[in-house]
Protein backbone atom coordinates (compact mmCIF):
# COMPACT_ATOMS: atom_id res chain seq x y z
CA MET A 1 54.55 18.80 -33.81
CA SER A 2 50.97 17.79 -33.00
CA ALA A 3 48.13 20.11 -33.91
CA ILE A 4 46.87 20.02 -30.34
CA GLU A 5 49.20 21.02 -27.55
CA PRO A 6 48.67 21.89 -23.91
CA SER A 7 47.98 25.56 -23.41
CA ALA A 8 50.26 27.48 -21.09
CA SER A 9 47.48 29.70 -19.86
CA ARG A 10 45.12 26.95 -18.62
CA LYS A 11 46.49 23.79 -17.13
CA GLY A 12 44.64 20.60 -17.74
CA THR A 13 42.99 21.79 -20.96
CA PHE A 14 44.02 21.51 -24.56
CA GLU A 15 43.83 24.51 -26.89
CA PRO A 16 43.87 23.56 -30.59
CA ARG A 17 46.04 25.74 -32.79
CA ASP A 18 43.95 25.27 -35.93
CA GLY A 19 40.99 27.32 -34.62
CA ARG A 20 38.84 24.36 -33.59
CA GLU A 21 36.81 24.32 -30.36
CA ARG A 22 38.75 23.55 -27.21
CA VAL A 23 38.54 19.91 -26.10
CA PRO A 24 38.03 19.47 -22.35
CA CYS A 25 40.42 17.16 -20.57
CA SER A 26 39.28 13.89 -19.01
CA ARG A 27 39.14 15.45 -15.55
CA GLU A 28 36.70 18.12 -16.79
CA ARG A 29 34.61 15.56 -18.62
CA GLY A 30 34.46 13.37 -15.51
CA HIS A 31 33.14 16.18 -13.29
CA ALA A 32 30.81 17.80 -15.79
CA GLY A 33 27.78 15.65 -15.00
CA VAL A 34 28.51 14.91 -11.34
CA ARG A 35 27.29 17.17 -8.57
CA ALA A 36 29.33 17.46 -5.42
CA PRO A 37 27.71 16.17 -2.21
CA GLY A 38 27.59 19.72 -0.88
CA ALA A 39 25.68 20.90 -3.94
CA VAL A 40 23.21 18.03 -3.57
CA ARG A 41 22.62 18.87 0.09
CA ALA A 42 22.17 22.54 -0.76
CA ALA A 43 19.66 21.73 -3.51
CA MET A 44 17.63 19.47 -1.23
CA THR A 45 17.76 22.05 1.56
CA ARG A 46 16.44 24.74 -0.77
CA TYR A 47 13.68 22.39 -1.88
CA ALA A 48 12.72 21.56 1.72
CA VAL A 49 12.71 25.24 2.73
CA SER A 50 10.50 26.17 -0.23
CA ARG A 51 8.05 23.41 0.69
CA LEU A 52 8.01 24.50 4.33
CA ILE A 53 7.32 28.09 3.31
CA ALA A 54 4.38 26.86 1.23
CA LEU A 55 2.85 25.28 4.35
CA GLY A 56 1.56 28.66 5.55
CA PRO A 57 -0.73 29.49 2.61
CA VAL A 58 -1.98 25.89 2.37
CA LEU A 59 -2.85 25.73 6.08
CA ALA A 60 -4.55 29.12 5.84
CA LEU A 61 -6.72 27.86 3.00
CA VAL A 62 -7.52 24.67 4.92
CA LEU A 63 -8.53 26.73 7.95
CA LEU A 64 -10.85 28.94 5.91
CA ILE A 65 -12.54 25.93 4.33
CA ILE A 66 -12.98 23.94 7.54
CA PHE A 67 -14.09 27.05 9.45
CA ALA A 68 -16.88 27.57 6.92
CA LEU A 69 -17.81 23.89 6.66
CA ALA A 70 -17.99 23.44 10.44
CA ARG A 71 -20.59 26.18 10.68
CA ILE A 72 -22.66 24.68 7.88
CA ILE A 73 -23.26 21.55 10.01
CA PRO A 74 -26.94 21.65 11.01
CA GLY A 75 -27.65 22.29 14.68
CA ASP A 76 -26.53 24.59 17.46
CA PRO A 77 -23.54 23.51 19.57
CA ALA A 78 -25.13 25.06 22.65
CA VAL A 79 -28.33 23.06 22.19
CA THR A 80 -26.30 19.89 21.58
CA LEU A 81 -24.30 20.38 24.77
CA LEU A 82 -27.24 21.37 27.02
CA GLY A 83 -29.77 18.91 25.63
CA PRO A 84 -33.29 19.40 24.35
CA GLY A 85 -34.62 20.40 27.78
CA ALA A 86 -32.52 23.57 28.04
CA THR A 87 -34.25 26.93 28.29
CA ARG A 88 -33.63 29.83 25.91
CA GLU A 89 -31.81 31.75 28.65
CA GLN A 90 -29.45 28.84 29.28
CA ILE A 91 -28.77 28.48 25.56
CA ASP A 92 -28.08 32.20 25.13
CA MET A 93 -25.78 32.21 28.17
CA LEU A 94 -23.76 29.26 26.86
CA ARG A 95 -23.55 30.78 23.38
CA ALA A 96 -22.16 33.97 24.90
CA GLN A 97 -19.70 31.97 27.01
CA LEU A 98 -18.49 30.07 23.92
CA ARG A 99 -18.48 33.34 21.89
CA LEU A 100 -20.87 31.80 19.38
CA ASP A 101 -22.97 34.98 19.42
CA GLU A 102 -20.14 36.92 17.76
CA PRO A 103 -20.02 37.40 13.97
CA ALA A 104 -18.14 34.71 12.03
CA PRO A 105 -15.27 37.06 11.00
CA ALA A 106 -14.71 37.97 14.66
CA GLN A 107 -14.64 34.29 15.63
CA LEU A 108 -12.15 33.54 12.85
CA PHE A 109 -9.91 36.46 13.83
CA SER A 110 -9.93 35.37 17.48
CA TYR A 111 -9.08 31.79 16.52
CA VAL A 112 -6.23 32.82 14.22
CA ALA A 113 -4.82 35.09 16.95
CA GLY A 114 -4.73 32.09 19.27
CA LEU A 115 -2.98 29.96 16.63
CA PHE A 116 -0.04 32.35 16.61
CA HIS A 117 0.40 31.58 20.31
CA GLY A 118 0.12 27.82 19.77
CA ASP A 119 -3.45 27.70 21.07
CA LEU A 120 -5.87 25.51 19.10
CA GLY A 121 -8.72 26.51 21.38
CA ARG A 122 -10.63 24.55 23.98
CA SER A 123 -13.10 21.77 23.43
CA MET A 124 -16.68 22.95 23.88
CA LYS A 125 -17.62 19.62 25.44
CA SER A 126 -14.75 18.89 27.84
CA GLY A 127 -13.32 22.38 28.28
CA GLN A 128 -9.79 20.97 27.85
CA PRO A 129 -7.23 22.39 25.39
CA VAL A 130 -7.71 20.85 21.95
CA LEU A 131 -3.99 20.21 21.50
CA GLN A 132 -3.83 18.33 24.80
CA GLU A 133 -6.84 16.21 23.85
CA ILE A 134 -5.34 15.34 20.46
CA LEU A 135 -1.89 14.48 21.84
CA LEU A 136 -3.56 12.20 24.38
CA ARG A 137 -5.16 10.17 21.58
CA LEU A 138 -2.45 10.45 18.94
CA PRO A 139 -0.39 7.42 20.15
CA ALA A 140 -3.38 5.12 19.62
CA THR A 141 -3.78 6.34 16.03
CA LEU A 142 -0.05 6.12 15.37
CA GLU A 143 0.15 2.59 16.78
CA LEU A 144 -2.70 1.41 14.56
CA SER A 145 -1.42 3.23 11.45
CA ILE A 146 2.17 2.03 11.80
CA LEU A 147 1.16 -1.59 12.31
CA ALA A 148 -1.31 -1.46 9.41
CA THR A 149 1.36 0.04 7.13
CA LEU A 150 3.87 -2.66 8.05
CA VAL A 151 1.33 -5.42 7.41
CA ALA A 152 0.31 -3.85 4.10
CA VAL A 153 3.93 -3.57 2.93
CA ALA A 154 4.70 -7.14 4.01
CA ILE A 155 1.74 -8.45 2.01
CA GLY A 156 1.34 -5.99 -0.86
CA ILE A 157 4.89 -6.00 -2.22
CA PRO A 158 5.32 -9.81 -2.40
CA ILE A 159 1.94 -10.38 -4.07
CA GLY A 160 2.67 -7.54 -6.49
CA VAL A 161 6.03 -9.04 -7.45
CA LEU A 162 4.55 -12.54 -7.73
CA SER A 163 1.74 -11.26 -9.92
CA ALA A 164 4.21 -9.44 -12.19
CA ILE A 165 6.52 -12.44 -12.54
CA ARG A 166 3.56 -14.75 -13.29
CA SER A 167 1.76 -12.24 -15.47
CA ASP A 168 -1.47 -13.50 -17.10
CA SER A 169 -1.32 -16.74 -15.12
CA MET A 170 -3.95 -18.06 -12.74
CA ILE A 171 -2.01 -16.59 -9.79
CA ASP A 172 -1.99 -13.20 -11.50
CA HIS A 173 -5.75 -13.30 -12.09
CA VAL A 174 -6.44 -14.27 -8.47
CA VAL A 175 -4.19 -11.50 -7.15
CA ARG A 176 -5.79 -8.92 -9.43
CA VAL A 177 -9.31 -9.88 -8.38
CA ALA A 178 -8.33 -9.87 -4.69
CA SER A 179 -6.68 -6.47 -5.09
CA LEU A 180 -9.75 -5.10 -6.83
CA VAL A 181 -11.94 -6.31 -3.97
CA GLY A 182 -9.53 -4.80 -1.44
CA VAL A 183 -9.64 -1.33 -2.97
CA SER A 184 -13.40 -1.45 -3.64
CA ILE A 185 -14.99 -2.69 -0.42
CA PRO A 186 -15.93 0.13 1.99
CA ALA A 187 -13.90 0.15 5.19
CA PHE A 188 -16.90 0.27 7.50
CA LEU A 189 -18.57 -2.67 5.72
CA PHE A 190 -15.42 -4.76 5.87
CA ALA A 191 -15.05 -3.89 9.56
CA LEU A 192 -18.60 -4.97 10.34
CA ILE A 193 -18.10 -8.26 8.49
CA LEU A 194 -14.92 -9.01 10.44
CA GLN A 195 -16.62 -8.15 13.72
CA LEU A 196 -19.55 -10.41 12.90
CA VAL A 197 -17.44 -13.39 11.80
CA PHE A 198 -14.41 -13.32 14.10
CA GLY A 199 -15.87 -11.51 17.08
CA ILE A 200 -19.46 -12.72 17.38
CA TRP A 201 -19.79 -15.97 15.47
CA LEU A 202 -16.36 -17.47 16.22
CA GLY A 203 -15.53 -15.45 19.32
CA TRP A 204 -11.83 -15.45 18.51
CA LEU A 205 -11.05 -11.74 18.71
CA PRO A 206 -12.36 -8.68 20.57
CA VAL A 207 -14.48 -6.34 18.49
CA SER A 208 -13.93 -3.00 20.21
CA GLY A 209 -11.60 -1.01 22.41
CA ARG A 210 -7.87 -1.00 22.84
CA ALA A 211 -7.61 -3.36 25.82
CA SER A 212 -9.89 -5.42 28.01
CA PRO A 213 -11.47 -3.44 30.90
CA PHE A 214 -9.88 -5.58 33.62
CA PHE A 215 -6.36 -4.52 32.55
CA ILE A 216 -5.01 -1.49 34.40
CA VAL A 217 -2.47 0.21 32.14
CA ASP A 218 0.06 2.73 33.40
CA PRO A 219 1.01 4.48 30.14
CA LEU A 220 4.61 5.45 29.61
CA THR A 221 4.72 6.06 25.87
CA GLY A 222 1.02 5.91 25.03
CA PHE A 223 1.62 2.86 22.80
CA ALA A 224 -0.14 -0.09 24.42
CA VAL A 225 2.11 -2.75 22.87
CA LEU A 226 5.32 -0.90 23.70
CA ASP A 227 4.17 -0.15 27.25
CA ALA A 228 3.32 -3.84 27.79
CA VAL A 229 6.82 -4.81 26.63
CA ILE A 230 8.43 -2.20 28.90
CA TRP A 231 6.44 -3.39 31.91
CA ARG A 232 6.98 -7.04 30.85
CA ASP A 233 3.27 -7.63 31.17
CA TRP A 234 2.85 -10.43 28.64
CA GLU A 235 -0.86 -10.90 29.31
CA LEU A 236 -1.43 -7.22 28.52
CA LEU A 237 0.76 -7.58 25.41
CA GLY A 238 -1.34 -10.48 24.13
CA ASP A 239 -4.55 -8.61 24.90
CA ALA A 240 -3.34 -5.43 23.16
CA LEU A 241 -2.26 -7.39 20.07
CA ALA A 242 -5.62 -9.19 19.97
CA HIS A 243 -7.45 -5.85 19.99
CA LEU A 244 -5.19 -4.62 17.17
CA VAL A 245 -5.87 -7.49 14.78
CA LEU A 246 -9.24 -6.55 13.29
CA PRO A 247 -8.73 -2.77 12.85
CA THR A 248 -5.26 -3.44 11.46
CA VAL A 249 -6.67 -5.86 8.88
CA VAL A 250 -9.27 -3.30 7.80
CA LEU A 251 -6.71 -0.52 7.31
CA ALA A 252 -4.06 -2.79 5.80
CA ALA A 253 -6.47 -4.31 3.28
CA PHE A 254 -6.88 -1.14 1.24
CA LEU A 255 -3.20 -0.14 1.36
CA GLY A 256 -2.00 -3.68 0.67
CA ALA A 257 -4.32 -4.02 -2.33
CA THR A 258 -3.30 -0.60 -3.67
CA LEU A 259 0.38 -1.34 -3.17
CA GLY A 260 0.10 -4.79 -4.75
CA ARG A 261 -1.55 -3.39 -7.90
CA PHE A 262 0.98 -0.58 -8.09
CA VAL A 263 4.03 -2.82 -7.64
CA ARG A 264 2.67 -5.29 -10.20
CA ASN A 265 2.19 -2.64 -12.88
CA THR A 266 5.52 -0.97 -12.14
CA MET A 267 7.38 -4.29 -12.08
CA ILE A 268 5.93 -5.33 -15.44
CA GLU A 269 6.99 -2.00 -16.92
CA VAL A 270 10.49 -2.24 -15.44
CA LEU A 271 11.00 -5.78 -16.75
CA THR A 272 10.58 -4.48 -20.32
CA GLU A 273 13.39 -1.90 -19.99
CA ASP A 274 16.60 -2.19 -22.00
CA TYR A 275 18.84 -2.59 -18.95
CA ILE A 276 16.87 -5.69 -17.93
CA ARG A 277 17.46 -7.24 -21.35
CA THR A 278 21.13 -6.25 -21.10
CA ALA A 279 21.44 -7.91 -17.68
CA ARG A 280 19.94 -11.11 -19.05
CA ALA A 281 22.20 -10.96 -22.11
CA LYS A 282 25.22 -10.79 -19.80
CA GLY A 283 24.22 -14.15 -18.35
CA LEU A 284 23.00 -13.01 -14.93
CA LYS A 285 20.78 -15.41 -13.08
CA GLU A 286 17.07 -14.71 -13.40
CA GLN A 287 16.79 -14.21 -9.64
CA ALA A 288 19.51 -11.55 -9.74
CA VAL A 289 17.80 -9.82 -12.66
CA LEU A 290 14.37 -9.85 -11.03
CA PHE A 291 15.35 -8.79 -7.53
CA GLY A 292 18.68 -7.03 -8.06
CA HIS A 293 17.59 -4.87 -11.00
CA GLY A 294 13.83 -5.18 -11.47
CA LEU A 295 12.48 -5.04 -7.93
CA ARG A 296 14.93 -2.41 -6.77
CA ASN A 297 13.78 0.02 -9.46
CA ALA A 298 10.13 -0.93 -9.15
CA LEU A 299 10.13 -0.17 -5.41
CA LEU A 300 11.29 3.43 -5.82
CA PRO A 301 7.86 4.79 -6.84
CA ALA A 302 6.26 2.61 -4.16
CA ILE A 303 7.93 4.79 -1.52
CA THR A 304 5.58 7.61 -2.47
CA VAL A 305 2.52 5.37 -2.33
CA VAL A 306 3.37 3.98 1.12
CA GLY A 307 4.26 7.40 2.53
CA LEU A 308 1.14 9.17 1.31
CA LYS A 309 -1.18 6.33 2.31
CA PHE A 310 0.38 6.31 5.78
CA ALA A 311 -0.27 10.03 6.04
CA GLU A 312 -3.86 9.46 4.97
CA MET A 313 -4.26 6.83 7.69
CA LEU A 314 -3.33 9.37 10.35
CA GLY A 315 -6.33 11.48 9.45
CA GLY A 316 -8.48 9.09 7.47
CA ALA A 317 -9.07 6.27 9.96
CA ILE A 318 -12.22 7.93 11.29
CA LEU A 319 -14.63 5.20 10.22
CA THR A 320 -12.37 2.35 11.30
CA GLU A 321 -11.71 3.87 14.72
CA THR A 322 -15.40 4.60 15.20
CA VAL A 323 -16.57 1.09 14.26
CA PHE A 324 -14.00 -0.54 16.56
CA ALA A 325 -14.37 2.10 19.32
CA TRP A 326 -10.64 2.71 18.98
CA PRO A 327 -9.68 5.66 21.23
CA GLY A 328 -7.71 7.53 18.58
CA VAL A 329 -7.81 10.92 16.92
CA GLY A 330 -10.17 9.72 14.20
CA ARG A 331 -12.87 8.71 16.66
CA PHE A 332 -12.28 11.94 18.59
CA MET A 333 -12.86 13.84 15.34
CA PHE A 334 -16.09 11.91 14.70
CA GLU A 335 -17.40 12.74 18.17
CA ALA A 336 -16.50 16.40 17.63
CA ILE A 337 -18.46 16.52 14.37
CA LYS A 338 -21.43 14.87 16.08
CA ASN A 339 -21.30 17.39 18.94
CA ARG A 340 -20.59 20.40 16.66
CA ASP A 341 -17.41 21.02 18.64
CA TYR A 342 -15.94 23.71 16.37
CA PRO A 343 -12.51 24.11 18.04
CA VAL A 344 -11.85 20.35 17.93
CA ILE A 345 -12.96 20.09 14.29
CA GLN A 346 -10.74 23.00 13.27
CA GLY A 347 -7.74 22.00 15.37
CA ALA A 348 -7.81 18.33 14.40
CA THR A 349 -8.19 19.17 10.71
CA LEU A 350 -5.27 21.59 10.83
CA LEU A 351 -3.05 19.00 12.53
CA PHE A 352 -4.12 16.33 10.02
CA ALA A 353 -3.26 18.67 7.15
CA LEU A 354 0.08 19.58 8.72
CA MET A 355 1.03 15.94 9.34
CA PHE A 356 0.03 14.98 5.80
CA MET A 357 2.18 17.72 4.26
CA LEU A 358 5.17 16.97 6.49
CA VAL A 359 5.01 13.25 5.70
CA SER A 360 4.68 14.11 2.01
CA LEU A 361 7.79 16.30 2.27
CA LEU A 362 9.76 13.55 4.01
CA VAL A 363 8.71 11.07 1.32
CA ASP A 364 9.86 13.43 -1.43
CA LEU A 365 13.21 13.98 0.28
CA LEU A 366 13.68 10.24 0.77
CA TYR A 367 12.80 9.65 -2.86
CA GLY A 368 15.39 12.26 -3.83
CA LEU A 369 18.05 10.53 -1.76
CA VAL A 370 17.55 7.17 -3.44
CA ASP A 371 16.80 8.38 -6.99
CA PRO A 372 19.36 10.73 -8.64
CA ARG A 373 16.81 11.79 -11.28
CA ILE A 374 14.49 13.25 -8.66
CA ARG A 375 17.46 14.82 -6.90
CA ARG A 376 18.42 16.67 -10.10
CA ARG A 377 14.89 18.02 -10.44
CA MET A 378 15.01 19.38 -6.89
CA GLY A 379 18.05 21.44 -7.88
């Protein structure tokens, strides 16, 4: 009789009779390292909930910092709003109306109390709710950011792959120099150069605004391009796209250069892995090795880069929107800083921080879905 026989007490396992450790059956070995879909979903849900809970303390810290920084800005909001010819009585009356004469802790407490009711305050300049003002301008920022991200991905990934495949060649050197210029040149300087060349010297493209003044737009979605398609106004569509070209190029240049450098370095590292050598040893075509194994694994970390840079665009396009007079949230934020509009500065910064953290969370969850290693860490 064999020294190892099935045990009567536990089906599917084998209990050795010579005192040795029990050997798990093939079914146990097959399921030992595999997590059920329900367990994966539960782990990712726990991770998402923990990140959402952490939003509160982070937003509180952001509010404290921006509340203090806004009041460090030189100048009096009341004087800015009334102008230099205002009398002391008028200034004191407006300060009392805006509650600027109260101590800073009282102002902070009042603002936080309003946040719990979904109130971001009212703009000192327009008197309109801050949230309403931001939502009115958010589609313009989203339209510009989405288009710039798509252009950057369409350019950055191919040049990164090409540079990695032709490493140390003339093409690689050109791509690396161009990428270095793209990440180094200031956005406002690049914007001014494009305006000067393509808008003033050549006269090919408009240099400011979102549409020409003679177009009357009836917004449905707030996205000029989408509204033009819905209304089938092809002249408006061409005009809206023309106004998008220059600001999109400015925003896409930095992201495309960053993404190209990142994909190049990651692709070179991936191509030195053992599984790439194994794929080539099996006789796979070079194209299948490069794009089926190399590029697929090199693009996984790029998800994080694209997601975080997109989130930065939502709140970091202030200079670009200001130079091109783009009616988005970034320009609105710039005007608020110039006018010392405390509620707008605080509300816009809080929304920027919230959007950045939510996009970061979505990127992490997406990364976990496509990469089992990250998914195991979430658990």
